Amino acid sequence: MRRVTAYAALGLALLVVPAGAALADDDVIPLDPSITALDPSITPLETVTTEDSRTEIALSSDILFDVGSAELDAPASARIGELVAEIPRGAEVAVDGHTDSIPYARGNQVLSEERAQAVADAIAAARPDLRLTVTGYGDTRPVADEEVDGQDDPAGRAQNRRVEIRYDG
């Protein structure tokens, strides 16, 4: 019998084992302990930081939006709804859009505003009780250097392309 990774084994089990069927102990291959639960090369949709009573959720624009687009697909909108489920009822929420410094055809300011508004629309659909303030900052508030030792740094640019959701509570 060939060994497969945890991800492949799970997918195979879902495809091959009939609903309601039971597996015998000898049918189950123990997971390889060297396999981590999450692939570190996969960028998460969000990072959450909390300081005192202030919470900030930074959403990666690279995952939410296509290049030069401000349209969210249904799964992204649903995930945003999940992320804001725990925000206190009636809270004031800031939704801030940011871009990297690469020029966008209609302007980075416009793109940041449109993306922030798209996220705000998803929040409002999930949580109409929240009071939203939507702002676009273009490329004026980077969180990472976009150049390292005189060379372009795509990872730094990616960190700067984000939409932040901030609230107290």
Protein backbone atom coordinates (compact mmCIF):
# COMPACT_ATOMS: atom_id res chain seq x y z
CA MET A 1 0.00 0.00 0.00
CA ARG A 2 1.32 3.46 -0.95
CA ARG A 3 1.60 6.20 1.67
CA VAL A 4 -0.10 9.49 0.90
CA THR A 5 -0.03 12.82 2.64
CA ALA A 6 -2.70 13.78 5.15
CA TYR A 7 -4.40 16.05 2.62
CA ALA A 8 -4.48 13.43 -0.10
CA ALA A 9 -5.57 10.70 2.32
CA LEU A 10 -8.45 12.82 3.55
CA GLY A 11 -9.57 13.59 0.01
CA LEU A 12 -9.25 9.94 -0.98
CA ALA A 13 -11.22 8.81 2.06
CA LEU A 14 -13.96 11.25 1.24
CA LEU A 15 -14.17 9.96 -2.31
CA VAL A 16 -13.82 6.21 -1.72
CA VAL A 17 -15.60 5.44 1.55
CA PRO A 18 -19.37 5.17 1.08
CA ALA A 19 -21.58 7.26 3.34
CA GLY A 20 -22.30 5.47 6.60
CA ALA A 21 -19.54 2.90 6.04
CA ALA A 22 -17.21 2.11 8.92
CA LEU A 23 -13.47 1.68 8.58
CA ALA A 24 -11.60 -1.10 10.35
CA ASP A 25 -8.49 -0.16 12.32
CA ASP A 26 -6.24 -1.76 9.72
CA ASP A 27 -7.86 0.42 7.00
CA VAL A 28 -6.58 3.62 8.61
CA ILE A 29 -3.04 4.85 7.99
CA PRO A 30 -1.71 6.97 10.86
CA LEU A 31 -0.73 10.48 9.82
CA ASP A 32 2.94 11.16 9.37
CA PRO A 33 3.97 13.29 12.42
CA SER A 34 6.26 15.37 10.20
CA ILE A 35 3.23 16.73 8.31
CA THR A 36 2.03 20.02 9.74
CA ALA A 37 -1.65 20.87 9.94
CA LEU A 38 -1.31 23.87 7.66
CA ASP A 39 0.93 24.34 4.67
CA PRO A 40 3.13 27.36 5.57
CA SER A 41 3.25 28.38 1.92
CA ILE A 42 -0.49 29.08 1.96
CA THR A 43 -1.18 32.70 2.81
CA PRO A 44 -4.08 33.08 5.24
CA LEU A 45 -6.95 35.37 4.30
CA GLU A 46 -6.65 37.33 7.50
CA THR A 47 -4.45 38.16 10.44
CA VAL A 48 -6.06 39.26 13.69
CA THR A 49 -4.32 41.40 16.29
CA THR A 50 -5.75 42.64 19.57
CA GLU A 51 -4.23 45.35 21.72
CA ASP A 52 -6.07 46.42 24.86
CA SER A 53 -9.71 46.50 23.71
CA ARG A 54 -8.89 47.30 20.05
CA THR A 55 -9.11 44.50 17.48
CA GLU A 56 -7.75 44.71 13.94
CA ILE A 57 -8.40 42.19 11.20
CA ALA A 58 -6.08 42.66 8.20
CA LEU A 59 -7.41 40.99 5.07
CA SER A 60 -5.00 40.11 2.28
CA SER A 61 -6.18 41.83 -0.90
CA ASP A 62 -4.28 39.27 -2.98
CA ILE A 63 -6.65 36.56 -1.78
CA LEU A 64 -9.84 38.64 -1.82
CA PHE A 65 -9.49 40.42 -5.14
CA ASP A 66 -8.14 39.83 -8.63
CA VAL A 67 -5.45 42.25 -9.81
CA GLY A 68 -6.99 45.68 -10.40
CA SER A 69 -10.42 44.49 -9.24
CA ALA A 70 -12.60 45.41 -6.28
CA GLU A 71 -15.17 42.63 -6.71
CA LEU A 72 -15.56 40.04 -3.97
CA ASP A 73 -16.76 36.56 -4.80
CA ALA A 74 -19.42 34.81 -2.70
CA PRO A 75 -16.97 32.67 -0.64
CA ALA A 76 -14.90 35.75 0.27
CA SER A 77 -18.03 37.65 1.29
CA ALA A 78 -19.17 34.70 3.39
CA ARG A 79 -15.77 34.47 5.12
CA ILE A 80 -15.85 38.19 5.93
CA GLY A 81 -19.30 37.63 7.45
CA GLU A 82 -17.82 34.90 9.65
CA LEU A 83 -14.94 37.15 10.71
CA VAL A 84 -17.27 39.91 11.92
CA ALA A 85 -19.74 37.62 13.69
CA GLU A 86 -18.15 38.23 17.09
CA ILE A 87 -18.02 42.04 16.86
CA PRO A 88 -20.15 43.56 19.63
CA ARG A 89 -23.66 44.55 18.55
CA GLY A 90 -23.91 48.13 17.25
CA ALA A 91 -20.13 48.66 17.34
CA GLU A 92 -18.36 51.30 15.29
CA VAL A 93 -16.16 49.59 12.72
CA ALA A 94 -13.51 51.20 10.53
CA VAL A 95 -12.86 49.60 7.15
CA ASP A 96 -9.62 50.89 5.60
CA GLY A 97 -8.29 50.00 2.15
CA HIS A 98 -4.58 50.09 1.24
CA THR A 99 -2.53 49.39 -1.90
CA ASP A 100 1.10 48.89 -2.76
CA SER A 101 3.00 51.61 -4.64
CA ILE A 102 2.66 50.06 -8.12
CA PRO A 103 0.49 52.48 -10.11
CA TYR A 104 -3.04 51.33 -10.92
CA ALA A 105 -4.71 52.56 -14.12
CA ARG A 106 -7.45 54.51 -12.32
CA GLY A 107 -5.25 55.37 -9.33
CA ASN A 108 -4.29 53.58 -6.14
CA GLN A 109 -6.52 55.88 -4.11
CA VAL A 110 -9.58 54.82 -6.12
CA LEU A 111 -8.68 51.13 -5.90
CA SER A 112 -8.20 51.32 -2.13
CA GLU A 113 -11.57 53.06 -1.70
CA GLU A 114 -13.38 50.55 -3.92
CA ARG A 115 -11.88 47.56 -2.12
CA ALA A 116 -12.66 49.00 1.31
CA GLN A 117 -16.25 49.63 0.17
CA ALA A 118 -16.58 46.07 -1.17
CA VAL A 119 -15.50 44.67 2.21
CA ALA A 120 -17.81 47.13 4.01
CA ASP A 121 -20.70 45.95 1.81
CA ALA A 122 -19.98 42.33 2.80
CA ILE A 123 -19.86 43.34 6.47
CA ALA A 124 -23.14 45.28 6.19
CA ALA A 125 -24.84 42.30 4.53
CA ALA A 126 -23.76 40.02 7.40
CA ARG A 127 -24.12 42.55 10.22
CA PRO A 128 -26.48 45.45 9.43
CA ASP A 129 -26.30 46.55 13.09
CA LEU A 130 -22.68 47.71 12.77
CA ARG A 131 -21.83 51.37 12.08
CA LEU A 132 -19.21 51.45 9.33
CA THR A 133 -16.69 54.12 8.39
CA VAL A 134 -15.03 53.39 5.05
CA THR A 135 -11.72 54.99 4.04
CA GLY A 136 -9.19 54.38 1.28
CA TYR A 137 -5.56 55.33 1.84
CA GLY A 138 -4.02 54.27 -1.48
CA ASP A 139 -0.31 53.62 -0.97
CA THR A 140 0.20 56.23 1.78
CA ARG A 141 0.33 53.84 4.79
CA PRO A 142 2.64 50.93 3.99
CA VAL A 143 3.33 48.31 6.66
CA ALA A 144 6.34 46.79 4.86
CA ASP A 145 9.22 47.91 2.68
CA GLU A 146 8.61 47.25 -1.00
CA GLU A 147 12.31 47.31 -1.76
CA VAL A 148 15.13 45.49 0.02
CA ASP A 149 18.76 46.31 -0.76
CA GLY A 150 17.67 48.23 -3.84
CA GLN A 151 15.67 45.26 -5.18
CA ASP A 152 11.91 44.95 -5.57
CA ASP A 153 10.35 42.91 -2.74
CA PRO A 154 7.08 41.27 -3.86
CA ALA A 155 6.44 39.99 -0.33
CA GLY A 156 6.61 43.52 1.06
CA ARG A 157 4.28 44.81 -1.65
CA ALA A 158 1.83 41.99 -0.89
CA GLN A 159 1.73 42.99 2.80
CA ASN A 160 0.82 46.54 1.80
CA ARG A 161 -2.14 45.39 -0.32
CA ARG A 162 -4.74 44.91 2.39
CA VAL A 163 -8.09 45.92 3.81
CA GLU A 164 -8.20 46.43 7.58
CA ILE A 165 -11.24 46.08 9.80
CA ARG A 166 -10.85 47.77 13.21
CA TYR A 167 -13.20 47.94 16.17
CA ASP A 168 -13.25 48.21 19.97
CA GLY A 169 -14.46 45.27 21.95
